[in-house]
N, C-alpha and C. Protein backbone atom coordinates (compact mmCIF):
# COMPACT_ATOMS: atom_id res chain seq x y z
N TYR A 1 -76.60 -0.03 -50.73
CA TYR A 1 -75.93 1.04 -49.66
C TYR A 1 -74.53 0.84 -49.82
N SER A 2 -73.38 1.21 -50.04
CA SER A 2 -72.35 0.88 -49.30
C SER A 2 -71.61 1.67 -48.25
N ILE A 3 -71.22 1.13 -47.57
CA ILE A 3 -70.66 1.73 -46.44
C ILE A 3 -69.35 2.00 -46.34
N PRO A 4 -68.97 3.23 -46.05
CA PRO A 4 -67.37 3.55 -46.46
C PRO A 4 -66.28 2.77 -45.47
N ASP A 5 -65.65 3.24 -46.65
CA ASP A 5 -63.72 2.39 -46.28
C ASP A 5 -63.73 2.81 -45.06
N GLY A 6 -63.20 2.20 -44.07
CA GLY A 6 -62.22 2.66 -42.80
C GLY A 6 -63.38 2.57 -41.66
N VAL A 7 -64.93 2.31 -42.36
CA VAL A 7 -65.65 1.70 -40.79
C VAL A 7 -65.12 0.45 -40.16
N LYS A 8 -64.87 0.41 -39.20
CA LYS A 8 -64.76 -1.14 -38.69
C LYS A 8 -65.51 -1.71 -37.47
N PHE A 9 -66.72 -0.87 -37.35
CA PHE A 9 -67.48 -1.68 -36.06
C PHE A 9 -69.20 -0.89 -36.86
N ILE A 10 -70.25 -2.02 -36.73
CA ILE A 10 -71.46 -1.37 -36.89
C ILE A 10 -72.27 -1.91 -35.59
N GLY A 11 -72.71 -0.47 -35.47
CA GLY A 11 -73.70 -0.91 -33.66
C GLY A 11 -74.95 -1.60 -34.09
N GLN A 12 -75.49 -1.52 -32.81
CA GLN A 12 -76.14 -2.23 -32.58
C GLN A 12 -77.58 -1.33 -32.99
N TYR A 13 -78.58 -2.40 -33.77
CA TYR A 13 -79.70 -1.55 -34.26
C TYR A 13 -79.26 -0.25 -35.28
N ALA A 14 -78.25 -0.14 -35.78
CA ALA A 14 -77.59 0.73 -36.68
C ALA A 14 -78.56 0.81 -37.88
N PHE A 15 -78.90 -0.32 -38.57
CA PHE A 15 -79.69 -0.33 -40.08
C PHE A 15 -81.22 -1.14 -39.67
N ALA A 16 -81.39 -1.36 -38.47
CA ALA A 16 -82.69 -1.96 -38.07
C ALA A 16 -83.98 -1.39 -38.53
N GLY A 17 -84.50 -2.33 -38.88
CA GLY A 17 -86.16 -2.37 -39.34
C GLY A 17 -86.00 -1.40 -40.88
N SER A 18 -85.08 -0.95 -41.54
CA SER A 18 -85.10 -0.40 -42.87
C SER A 18 -85.71 -1.47 -43.81
N ARG A 19 -86.72 -0.45 -44.48
CA ARG A 19 -87.29 -1.03 -45.76
C ARG A 19 -87.02 -1.06 -46.58
N ILE A 20 -86.24 0.12 -46.93
CA ILE A 20 -85.18 0.41 -48.48
C ILE A 20 -84.15 -0.29 -48.62
N LEU A 21 -83.18 -0.81 -47.75
CA LEU A 21 -82.02 -1.51 -47.83
C LEU A 21 -82.47 -2.34 -48.67
N LYS A 22 -82.01 -2.96 -49.85
CA LYS A 22 -81.90 -4.27 -50.64
C LYS A 22 -80.15 -4.96 -50.76
N GLU A 23 -79.59 -4.01 -50.36
CA GLU A 23 -78.45 -4.71 -50.61
C GLU A 23 -76.96 -3.89 -49.96
N VAL A 24 -76.01 -4.83 -49.02
CA VAL A 24 -75.34 -3.78 -48.42
C VAL A 24 -73.82 -4.11 -48.99
N GLU A 25 -73.23 -2.75 -49.24
CA GLU A 25 -71.89 -3.15 -49.37
C GLU A 25 -70.64 -2.89 -48.07
N PHE A 26 -69.94 -3.81 -47.72
CA PHE A 26 -69.44 -3.63 -46.43
C PHE A 26 -67.93 -3.48 -47.07
N PRO A 27 -67.29 -2.44 -46.18
CA PRO A 27 -65.75 -2.42 -46.57
C PRO A 27 -65.06 -3.41 -46.29
N GLU A 28 -63.90 -3.36 -46.36
CA GLU A 28 -63.13 -4.63 -46.36
C GLU A 28 -62.34 -4.43 -44.85
N THR A 29 -62.62 -3.06 -44.51
CA THR A 29 -61.80 -3.02 -42.94
C THR A 29 -62.59 -3.41 -42.06
N LEU A 30 -64.26 -3.63 -42.07
CA LEU A 30 -64.87 -4.09 -41.04
C LEU A 30 -64.46 -5.22 -40.35
N MET A 31 -64.92 -5.16 -38.98
CA MET A 31 -64.65 -6.07 -38.17
C MET A 31 -65.13 -6.81 -37.07
N VAL A 32 -66.12 -5.94 -36.98
CA VAL A 32 -67.38 -6.38 -36.22
C VAL A 32 -68.53 -5.82 -36.54
N ILE A 33 -70.02 -6.38 -36.10
CA ILE A 33 -71.07 -6.10 -36.49
C ILE A 33 -72.23 -6.65 -35.53
N VAL A 34 -72.63 -6.01 -34.62
CA VAL A 34 -73.13 -6.11 -33.55
C VAL A 34 -74.81 -6.90 -33.50
N ARG A 35 -75.42 -7.20 -32.29
CA ARG A 35 -76.53 -7.40 -32.30
C ARG A 35 -77.36 -6.73 -33.06
N ASN A 36 -78.49 -7.37 -33.67
CA ASN A 36 -79.41 -6.62 -34.67
C ASN A 36 -78.95 -5.39 -35.17
N ALA A 37 -77.83 -5.45 -35.93
CA ALA A 37 -77.44 -4.25 -36.40
C ALA A 37 -78.44 -4.26 -37.70
N PHE A 38 -78.30 -5.40 -38.44
CA PHE A 38 -79.56 -5.06 -39.53
C PHE A 38 -81.06 -6.04 -39.12
N GLY A 39 -81.30 -5.85 -38.00
CA GLY A 39 -82.58 -7.13 -37.74
C GLY A 39 -83.65 -6.25 -38.20
N GLY A 40 -84.50 -7.23 -39.13
CA GLY A 40 -85.96 -6.69 -39.80
C GLY A 40 -85.79 -5.84 -40.90
N CYS A 41 -84.66 -5.87 -41.70
CA CYS A 41 -84.52 -5.44 -43.21
C CYS A 41 -84.94 -5.91 -44.03
N ASP A 42 -86.23 -6.12 -44.17
CA ASP A 42 -86.75 -7.17 -44.57
C ASP A 42 -86.59 -7.42 -45.95
N SER A 43 -86.07 -5.93 -46.85
CA SER A 43 -86.11 -5.87 -48.22
C SER A 43 -84.69 -6.45 -48.68
N LEU A 44 -83.68 -6.76 -47.39
CA LEU A 44 -82.43 -7.02 -47.60
C LEU A 44 -82.20 -8.40 -48.55
N THR A 45 -81.56 -8.32 -49.69
CA THR A 45 -81.31 -9.39 -50.71
C THR A 45 -79.78 -10.01 -50.85
N LYS A 46 -79.13 -9.50 -50.28
CA LYS A 46 -77.69 -10.16 -50.93
C LYS A 46 -76.53 -9.36 -49.88
N ILE A 47 -75.76 -10.49 -48.97
CA ILE A 47 -74.75 -9.55 -48.58
C ILE A 47 -73.71 -10.51 -48.68
N GLU A 48 -72.15 -9.77 -48.42
CA GLU A 48 -70.94 -10.27 -48.60
C GLU A 48 -70.24 -10.42 -47.32
N ILE A 49 -69.78 -10.94 -46.47
CA ILE A 49 -69.14 -10.83 -45.25
C ILE A 49 -67.61 -10.80 -45.47
N PRO A 50 -67.28 -9.39 -45.54
CA PRO A 50 -65.56 -9.47 -45.68
C PRO A 50 -64.65 -10.70 -44.79
N ALA A 51 -63.76 -10.81 -45.27
CA ALA A 51 -62.39 -11.27 -44.71
C ALA A 51 -62.57 -11.24 -43.10
N ARG A 52 -62.30 -9.86 -43.27
CA ARG A 52 -61.58 -9.27 -41.76
C ARG A 52 -62.37 -9.46 -40.44
N VAL A 53 -63.84 -9.98 -40.95
CA VAL A 53 -65.06 -9.71 -39.99
C VAL A 53 -64.49 -10.46 -38.51
N LEU A 54 -64.59 -10.42 -37.48
CA LEU A 54 -63.90 -11.18 -36.40
C LEU A 54 -65.03 -11.31 -35.53
N TYR A 55 -66.59 -10.69 -35.77
CA TYR A 55 -67.61 -10.94 -34.67
C TYR A 55 -68.64 -10.33 -35.05
N ILE A 56 -69.91 -11.74 -35.34
CA ILE A 56 -71.01 -10.98 -35.53
C ILE A 56 -72.08 -11.38 -34.63
N GLY A 57 -72.49 -10.34 -33.89
CA GLY A 57 -73.77 -10.36 -32.68
C GLY A 57 -75.02 -10.72 -32.74
N GLU A 58 -75.41 -11.65 -31.78
CA GLU A 58 -76.58 -12.30 -31.98
C GLU A 58 -77.54 -11.99 -32.75
N GLU A 59 -78.60 -12.48 -33.42
CA GLU A 59 -79.71 -12.03 -34.38
C GLU A 59 -78.81 -10.83 -35.16
N ALA A 60 -78.08 -10.52 -35.63
CA ALA A 60 -77.17 -9.25 -36.56
C ALA A 60 -78.26 -8.96 -37.76
N PHE A 61 -78.75 -10.31 -38.57
CA PHE A 61 -79.75 -10.23 -39.49
C PHE A 61 -81.16 -10.41 -39.20
N TYR A 62 -81.17 -10.76 -38.10
CA TYR A 62 -82.59 -11.50 -37.73
C TYR A 62 -83.85 -11.15 -38.34
N ASN A 63 -84.28 -12.18 -38.79
CA ASN A 63 -85.81 -11.37 -39.79
C ASN A 63 -85.68 -10.72 -41.05
N CYS A 64 -84.71 -10.80 -41.58
CA CYS A 64 -84.14 -10.32 -42.96
C CYS A 64 -84.56 -11.17 -43.76
N SER A 65 -85.91 -11.27 -44.00
CA SER A 65 -86.64 -12.30 -44.70
C SER A 65 -86.83 -12.50 -46.19
N SER A 66 -86.31 -11.37 -46.82
CA SER A 66 -85.64 -11.67 -48.27
C SER A 66 -84.56 -12.00 -48.82
N LEU A 67 -83.88 -11.93 -47.44
CA LEU A 67 -82.28 -12.43 -47.54
C LEU A 67 -82.02 -13.58 -48.35
N THR A 68 -81.31 -13.60 -49.37
CA THR A 68 -81.41 -15.37 -50.61
C THR A 68 -79.76 -15.57 -50.81
N ASP A 69 -78.93 -14.68 -50.58
CA ASP A 69 -77.58 -14.91 -50.55
C ASP A 69 -76.52 -14.43 -49.92
N ILE A 70 -75.73 -15.21 -49.37
CA ILE A 70 -74.53 -14.60 -48.44
C ILE A 70 -73.60 -14.96 -48.64
N THR A 71 -72.52 -14.53 -48.76
CA THR A 71 -71.33 -15.17 -49.06
C THR A 71 -69.92 -14.41 -47.63
N PHE A 72 -69.54 -15.52 -47.31
CA PHE A 72 -68.39 -14.97 -46.45
C PHE A 72 -67.12 -15.39 -46.95
N LYS A 73 -66.09 -14.33 -46.49
CA LYS A 73 -65.20 -14.27 -47.61
C LYS A 73 -63.65 -14.92 -46.65
N GLY A 74 -64.18 -15.02 -45.66
CA GLY A 74 -63.11 -15.49 -45.12
C GLY A 74 -63.33 -16.47 -43.73
N PHE A 75 -62.47 -16.20 -42.85
CA PHE A 75 -62.54 -17.27 -41.92
C PHE A 75 -64.09 -17.72 -41.08
N ALA A 76 -64.52 -17.93 -40.18
CA ALA A 76 -66.05 -18.48 -39.47
C ALA A 76 -65.84 -17.36 -38.44
N PRO A 77 -66.31 -16.20 -38.54
CA PRO A 77 -66.39 -15.59 -37.35
C PRO A 77 -67.24 -15.89 -36.31
N VAL A 78 -66.74 -15.34 -34.80
CA VAL A 78 -66.91 -15.47 -33.58
C VAL A 78 -68.77 -14.83 -33.58
N LEU A 79 -69.68 -16.07 -33.12
CA LEU A 79 -70.43 -15.45 -32.68
C LEU A 79 -71.32 -15.25 -31.16
N GLY A 80 -72.25 -13.81 -31.46
CA GLY A 80 -72.57 -13.28 -30.09
C GLY A 80 -73.38 -14.54 -29.37
N LEU A 81 -73.68 -14.75 -27.94
CA LEU A 81 -74.01 -15.76 -27.10
C LEU A 81 -75.23 -16.53 -27.95
N ASP A 82 -76.62 -15.71 -28.34
CA ASP A 82 -77.74 -16.53 -28.30
C ASP A 82 -77.80 -17.08 -30.15
N LYS A 83 -77.08 -16.38 -30.56
CA LYS A 83 -76.22 -16.85 -31.86
C LYS A 83 -78.12 -16.53 -32.96
N ASN A 84 -77.95 -17.45 -33.95
CA ASN A 84 -79.39 -16.86 -34.44
C ASN A 84 -78.92 -15.73 -35.37
N ILE A 85 -77.70 -15.69 -36.12
CA ILE A 85 -77.63 -14.90 -37.01
C ILE A 85 -78.43 -14.08 -38.27
N PHE A 86 -78.95 -15.18 -38.96
CA PHE A 86 -79.88 -15.49 -39.83
C PHE A 86 -81.14 -15.87 -39.84
N TYR A 87 -81.73 -15.75 -38.45
CA TYR A 87 -83.45 -16.07 -37.59
C TYR A 87 -83.96 -15.47 -38.86
N GLY A 88 -85.18 -16.36 -39.41
CA GLY A 88 -85.95 -15.60 -40.36
C GLY A 88 -85.54 -15.67 -41.91
N ALA A 89 -84.53 -15.98 -41.84
CA ALA A 89 -84.13 -15.93 -43.55
C ALA A 89 -83.71 -17.39 -44.29
N THR A 90 -84.35 -17.58 -45.70
CA THR A 90 -83.95 -18.84 -46.17
C THR A 90 -82.89 -18.36 -47.21
N ALA A 91 -82.12 -18.92 -47.23
CA ALA A 91 -80.71 -18.27 -48.07
C ALA A 91 -79.61 -18.99 -48.48
N ASN A 92 -79.07 -19.11 -49.80
CA ASN A 92 -77.73 -19.82 -49.71
C ASN A 92 -76.69 -19.30 -49.20
N VAL A 93 -76.02 -20.10 -48.58
CA VAL A 93 -74.86 -19.11 -47.93
C VAL A 93 -73.41 -19.97 -48.41
N HIS A 94 -72.52 -19.13 -48.86
CA HIS A 94 -71.45 -19.53 -49.93
C HIS A 94 -69.99 -19.71 -48.69
N TYR A 95 -69.45 -20.33 -48.25
CA TYR A 95 -68.14 -20.02 -47.71
C TYR A 95 -66.79 -20.79 -47.98
N PRO A 96 -65.55 -20.17 -47.56
CA PRO A 96 -64.59 -20.95 -48.15
C PRO A 96 -64.14 -22.47 -48.44
N ALA A 97 -63.87 -22.94 -49.59
CA ALA A 97 -63.54 -24.50 -49.16
C ALA A 97 -62.56 -24.93 -48.54
N ASN A 98 -62.32 -25.84 -48.08
CA ASN A 98 -61.28 -26.30 -47.02
C ASN A 98 -60.64 -25.78 -45.95
N ASP A 99 -61.78 -24.48 -45.60
CA ASP A 99 -61.34 -23.91 -44.30
C ASP A 99 -61.87 -24.90 -42.98
N LEU A 100 -61.15 -25.38 -42.21
CA LEU A 100 -61.75 -26.14 -41.18
C LEU A 100 -62.54 -25.10 -40.06
N SER A 101 -62.39 -24.02 -40.28
CA SER A 101 -63.26 -22.98 -39.11
C SER A 101 -65.01 -23.01 -39.43
N TRP A 102 -64.99 -23.65 -40.56
CA TRP A 102 -66.32 -23.49 -40.97
C TRP A 102 -66.65 -25.09 -40.78
N SER A 103 -66.65 -25.65 -39.84
CA SER A 103 -67.25 -26.93 -39.40
C SER A 103 -69.12 -26.79 -39.41
N GLU A 104 -69.56 -28.05 -39.12
CA GLU A 104 -70.69 -28.32 -39.51
C GLU A 104 -71.60 -27.75 -38.12
N GLU A 105 -70.78 -27.81 -36.90
CA GLU A 105 -71.18 -27.35 -35.85
C GLU A 105 -71.42 -25.77 -35.65
N ILE A 106 -70.48 -25.05 -36.49
CA ILE A 106 -70.58 -23.83 -36.49
C ILE A 106 -71.68 -23.39 -37.34
N ARG A 107 -71.43 -23.86 -38.45
CA ARG A 107 -72.51 -23.60 -39.54
C ARG A 107 -74.04 -23.66 -38.71
N GLN A 108 -74.17 -24.68 -38.35
CA GLN A 108 -75.54 -24.66 -37.81
C GLN A 108 -75.98 -23.58 -36.49
N ASP A 109 -75.00 -22.81 -36.20
CA ASP A 109 -75.18 -21.82 -35.04
C ASP A 109 -76.01 -20.64 -35.38
N TYR A 110 -75.90 -20.73 -36.90
CA TYR A 110 -76.43 -19.29 -37.90
C TYR A 110 -77.73 -19.04 -37.55
N GLY A 111 -78.48 -20.03 -37.48
CA GLY A 111 -80.09 -20.05 -37.44
C GLY A 111 -80.64 -19.63 -38.75
N GLY A 112 -81.73 -19.74 -39.49
CA GLY A 112 -82.45 -19.43 -40.25
C GLY A 112 -82.72 -20.52 -41.17
N SER A 113 -83.08 -20.72 -42.30
CA SER A 113 -83.12 -22.06 -43.47
C SER A 113 -82.32 -21.56 -44.15
N LEU A 114 -81.11 -22.20 -43.76
CA LEU A 114 -79.49 -22.07 -44.74
C LEU A 114 -79.41 -23.08 -45.33
N THR A 115 -78.84 -22.90 -47.07
CA THR A 115 -78.36 -24.10 -47.22
C THR A 115 -76.62 -23.76 -48.10
N TRP A 116 -76.00 -24.70 -46.90
CA TRP A 116 -74.52 -24.33 -47.09
C TRP A 116 -73.74 -24.92 -48.72
N SER A 117 -72.88 -24.30 -48.79
CA SER A 117 -72.11 -24.43 -49.94
C SER A 117 -70.65 -23.75 -49.99
N THR A 118 -69.76 -24.64 -50.31
CA THR A 118 -68.61 -23.96 -50.29
C THR A 118 -68.39 -23.48 -51.80
N TYR A 119 -66.95 -22.38 -52.02
CA TYR A 119 -66.41 -21.94 -53.39
C TYR A 119 -64.74 -22.37 -52.86
N THR A 120 -64.51 -22.08 -54.09
CA THR A 120 -62.75 -21.41 -54.14
C THR A 120 -62.26 -20.37 -53.97
N PRO A 121 -61.69 -20.24 -53.02
CA PRO A 121 -61.45 -18.84 -52.88
C PRO A 121 -59.74 -18.42 -53.29
N GLU A 122 -59.58 -17.40 -53.80
CA GLU A 122 -58.10 -17.14 -53.89
C GLU A 122 -57.39 -17.57 -52.31
N ASP A 123 -55.95 -17.98 -52.37
CA ASP A 123 -55.30 -18.28 -51.42
C ASP A 123 -54.87 -17.36 -50.64
N ILE A 124 -55.22 -15.96 -50.84
CA ILE A 124 -54.84 -14.98 -49.93
C ILE A 124 -55.95 -14.75 -49.24
N VAL A 125 -56.01 -14.95 -47.79
CA VAL A 125 -57.38 -14.64 -47.54
C VAL A 125 -57.76 -13.10 -47.12
N ASP A 126 -56.55 -12.28 -46.68
CA ASP A 126 -56.89 -10.82 -46.54
C ASP A 126 -55.11 -10.44 -46.38
N SER A 127 -55.07 -9.36 -46.89
CA SER A 127 -53.84 -8.45 -47.21
C SER A 127 -54.05 -6.83 -46.77
N GLY A 128 -52.78 -6.29 -46.74
CA GLY A 128 -52.89 -4.86 -46.76
C GLY A 128 -51.79 -3.95 -46.06
N THR A 129 -51.62 -2.93 -45.67
CA THR A 129 -50.41 -2.23 -45.37
C THR A 129 -50.33 -2.42 -44.13
N CYS A 130 -49.40 -2.24 -43.53
CA CYS A 130 -49.09 -2.21 -41.98
C CYS A 130 -47.80 -0.85 -41.39
N GLY A 131 -47.26 -0.36 -42.67
CA GLY A 131 -46.78 0.72 -42.10
C GLY A 131 -46.49 1.61 -43.59
N GLU A 132 -45.27 2.28 -43.80
CA GLU A 132 -45.36 3.22 -45.37
C GLU A 132 -44.76 2.41 -46.23
N ASN A 133 -43.73 1.58 -45.92
CA ASN A 133 -43.68 0.80 -47.06
C ASN A 133 -43.67 -0.66 -47.00
N MET A 134 -44.50 -1.16 -45.89
CA MET A 134 -44.93 -2.23 -45.12
C MET A 134 -45.89 -2.96 -45.34
N THR A 135 -45.98 -3.84 -46.53
CA THR A 135 -47.32 -4.92 -46.74
C THR A 135 -47.52 -6.18 -46.02
N TRP A 136 -48.77 -6.88 -45.80
CA TRP A 136 -49.01 -7.90 -44.75
C TRP A 136 -50.02 -9.03 -46.04
N SER A 137 -49.83 -10.26 -45.66
CA SER A 137 -51.12 -10.95 -46.00
C SER A 137 -51.05 -12.41 -45.59
N VAL A 138 -52.42 -12.89 -45.16
CA VAL A 138 -52.59 -14.15 -44.45
C VAL A 138 -53.25 -14.69 -45.88
N SER A 139 -52.30 -16.24 -45.59
CA SER A 139 -52.91 -16.97 -46.99
C SER A 139 -53.60 -18.44 -45.96
N ARG A 140 -54.46 -19.16 -46.90
CA ARG A 140 -55.88 -19.93 -46.27
C ARG A 140 -54.70 -20.67 -45.65
N SER A 141 -53.30 -21.32 -45.98
CA SER A 141 -52.67 -22.20 -45.23
C SER A 141 -52.62 -21.48 -43.24
N GLY A 142 -52.76 -20.34 -43.38
CA GLY A 142 -52.39 -20.35 -42.08
C GLY A 142 -51.19 -19.17 -41.90
N LEU A 143 -50.19 -18.93 -43.09
CA LEU A 143 -49.09 -18.26 -43.24
C LEU A 143 -49.59 -16.67 -43.19
N LEU A 144 -48.94 -15.84 -42.20
CA LEU A 144 -48.46 -14.23 -42.08
C LEU A 144 -47.42 -14.00 -42.75
N SER A 145 -47.37 -13.16 -43.69
CA SER A 145 -46.36 -13.04 -44.41
C SER A 145 -46.11 -11.31 -44.22
N ILE A 146 -45.37 -10.85 -43.64
CA ILE A 146 -44.78 -9.45 -43.73
C ILE A 146 -43.82 -8.70 -44.67
N ASN A 147 -43.61 -7.84 -45.52
CA ASN A 147 -43.00 -7.47 -46.32
C ASN A 147 -42.63 -5.98 -46.35
N GLY A 148 -41.05 -5.60 -47.10
CA GLY A 148 -41.37 -4.19 -47.20
C GLY A 148 -40.10 -3.77 -46.62
N ASN A 149 -39.56 -2.38 -46.80
CA ASN A 149 -38.78 -1.82 -46.13
C ASN A 149 -38.97 -0.74 -45.31
N GLY A 150 -38.31 -0.82 -43.50
CA GLY A 150 -38.92 0.69 -42.85
C GLY A 150 -39.50 -0.36 -41.33
N ALA A 151 -40.68 0.42 -41.05
CA ALA A 151 -40.90 0.64 -39.89
C ALA A 151 -42.78 0.08 -39.80
N MET A 152 -42.67 -0.72 -38.87
CA MET A 152 -44.16 -1.35 -39.26
C MET A 152 -44.94 -0.11 -37.97
N MET A 153 -46.22 -0.05 -38.30
CA MET A 153 -46.90 0.73 -37.32
C MET A 153 -47.15 0.33 -36.30
N ASP A 154 -47.31 1.01 -35.12
CA ASP A 154 -47.73 0.51 -33.72
C ASP A 154 -48.71 0.66 -33.29
N TYR A 155 -49.76 -0.71 -32.90
CA TYR A 155 -50.91 -0.91 -32.20
C TYR A 155 -51.16 -0.51 -31.26
N THR A 156 -52.41 -0.21 -30.55
CA THR A 156 -52.54 -0.54 -28.81
C THR A 156 -53.33 -1.36 -28.52
N CYS A 157 -53.67 -2.34 -29.43
CA CYS A 157 -54.92 -3.35 -29.20
C CYS A 157 -55.74 -2.81 -28.42
N ASP A 158 -56.80 -1.86 -28.62
CA ASP A 158 -57.91 -1.19 -28.19
C ASP A 158 -59.36 -1.81 -28.35
N PHE A 159 -59.81 -2.66 -27.81
CA PHE A 159 -61.00 -2.99 -28.18
C PHE A 159 -62.12 -2.09 -28.41
N ASN A 160 -62.24 -1.18 -27.42
CA ASN A 160 -63.00 0.12 -27.88
C ASN A 160 -62.87 0.39 -29.25
N THR A 161 -61.62 0.89 -29.50
CA THR A 161 -61.28 1.51 -30.58
C THR A 161 -60.87 0.91 -31.90
N LEU A 162 -60.74 -0.28 -31.62
CA LEU A 162 -60.39 -1.17 -32.80
C LEU A 162 -59.15 -1.05 -33.37
N ASP A 163 -58.18 -0.32 -32.38
CA ASP A 163 -56.92 -0.04 -32.68
C ASP A 163 -55.84 -1.33 -33.13
N MET A 164 -56.29 -2.15 -33.89
CA MET A 164 -55.60 -3.61 -33.15
C MET A 164 -54.30 -3.69 -34.62
N ALA A 165 -53.77 -4.79 -34.92
CA ALA A 165 -52.90 -5.37 -35.93
C ALA A 165 -54.22 -5.44 -36.78
N PRO A 166 -53.60 -5.54 -38.21
CA PRO A 166 -54.88 -5.51 -39.22
C PRO A 166 -54.81 -6.98 -39.68
N TRP A 167 -54.18 -7.65 -38.97
CA TRP A 167 -54.25 -9.31 -38.97
C TRP A 167 -54.91 -9.91 -37.70
N PHE A 168 -55.17 -8.96 -37.03
CA PHE A 168 -56.28 -9.27 -35.77
C PHE A 168 -57.17 -10.38 -36.01
N SER A 169 -58.29 -10.18 -37.00
CA SER A 169 -59.10 -10.76 -37.44
C SER A 169 -58.85 -12.30 -37.89
N GLU A 170 -57.51 -12.76 -38.13
CA GLU A 170 -56.94 -13.68 -38.82
C GLU A 170 -56.38 -14.55 -37.91
N TYR A 171 -56.38 -14.01 -36.53
CA TYR A 171 -54.87 -14.65 -35.41
C TYR A 171 -55.96 -16.14 -35.07
N PRO A 172 -56.79 -16.43 -35.05
CA PRO A 172 -57.26 -18.06 -34.55
C PRO A 172 -56.61 -18.85 -35.29
N TYR A 173 -56.07 -18.48 -36.68
CA TYR A 173 -55.89 -19.49 -38.01
C TYR A 173 -54.59 -19.23 -38.50
N ILE A 174 -53.74 -18.10 -37.70
CA ILE A 174 -52.35 -17.95 -38.42
C ILE A 174 -51.18 -19.07 -37.58
N THR A 175 -50.96 -19.94 -38.30
CA THR A 175 -50.07 -20.88 -37.93
C THR A 175 -48.56 -20.38 -38.08
N SER A 176 -48.40 -19.57 -38.61
CA SER A 176 -46.96 -19.18 -38.75
C SER A 176 -46.94 -17.82 -39.42
N VAL A 177 -45.25 -17.47 -39.18
CA VAL A 177 -45.30 -15.82 -39.36
C VAL A 177 -44.01 -15.80 -40.09
N VAL A 178 -43.74 -15.27 -41.17
CA VAL A 178 -42.66 -14.80 -42.29
C VAL A 178 -42.48 -13.34 -42.04
N ILE A 179 -41.20 -12.89 -41.47
CA ILE A 179 -41.17 -11.46 -41.85
C ILE A 179 -39.72 -11.19 -42.29
N GLU A 180 -39.91 -10.84 -43.70
CA GLU A 180 -39.03 -10.78 -44.66
C GLU A 180 -37.85 -9.55 -44.44
N ASP A 181 -36.84 -10.10 -44.86
CA ASP A 181 -35.69 -8.75 -44.79
C ASP A 181 -35.87 -7.20 -45.04
N GLY A 182 -35.60 -6.86 -44.35
CA GLY A 182 -35.99 -4.91 -44.64
C GLY A 182 -36.57 -4.45 -43.83
N MET A 183 -37.63 -4.95 -42.70
CA MET A 183 -37.95 -4.34 -42.01
C MET A 183 -37.18 -3.66 -40.53
N THR A 184 -37.17 -2.62 -39.93
CA THR A 184 -36.33 -2.22 -39.19
C THR A 184 -37.07 -2.03 -37.74
N HIS A 185 -38.12 -1.88 -37.61
CA HIS A 185 -39.08 -2.11 -36.49
C HIS A 185 -40.70 -3.07 -36.50
N ILE A 186 -40.66 -3.81 -35.14
CA ILE A 186 -41.83 -4.63 -35.10
C ILE A 186 -42.97 -3.64 -34.31
N GLY A 187 -43.68 -3.21 -34.62
CA GLY A 187 -44.90 -2.32 -33.90
C GLY A 187 -45.23 -2.78 -32.56
N ASP A 188 -45.18 -2.00 -31.87
CA ASP A 188 -45.86 -2.35 -30.49
C ASP A 188 -47.64 -2.75 -30.63
N GLY A 189 -47.44 -3.66 -29.92
CA GLY A 189 -49.00 -4.61 -29.94
C GLY A 189 -48.87 -5.34 -31.55
N ALA A 190 -48.22 -5.69 -32.12
CA ALA A 190 -48.22 -6.50 -33.29
C ALA A 190 -48.95 -7.45 -33.49
N PHE A 191 -48.43 -8.42 -32.41
CA PHE A 191 -49.25 -9.87 -32.16
C PHE A 191 -49.80 -9.86 -30.72
N LEU A 192 -49.88 -9.46 -30.29
CA LEU A 192 -50.89 -9.35 -29.20
C LEU A 192 -51.93 -9.88 -29.17
């Protein structure tokens, strides 16, 4: 199943208990997967968590007993209070090498019987547009680069609608910002 591009939030119990769901393709726009969103999907075998996911709720993939392959494309997301994201799964989990957010302590919080390994990702962790002629990218070293000519979009920083700057999920890891010549307006809420 392919979740449409533009979806930022997957709600509680959204797919829970589905017996026919074998693979899920998440959009790059996804930022939040809440509690038990895929709990009990016992046919689910493989998932790839996009780089922009900043939060995964407790037991989001609870008792997904057929889940064998999990890949994280970006930094370690914040976990829900009870954690145990993959309780009941026996899986190989892949995360970006040389990424300090994936500490051993963090990896232990995911629950399940998981075998962790690294892979060498591209230098660019995430990228996109932030205005009509504006682009942005975040590198693995924590550099946020904003390029183009014109005005950056405005953002409300509303957690209910998830209308935030597109690099919001990378905030904990951004160590420096470079804004290239050509920008005429820095958007409201761009760096909140």
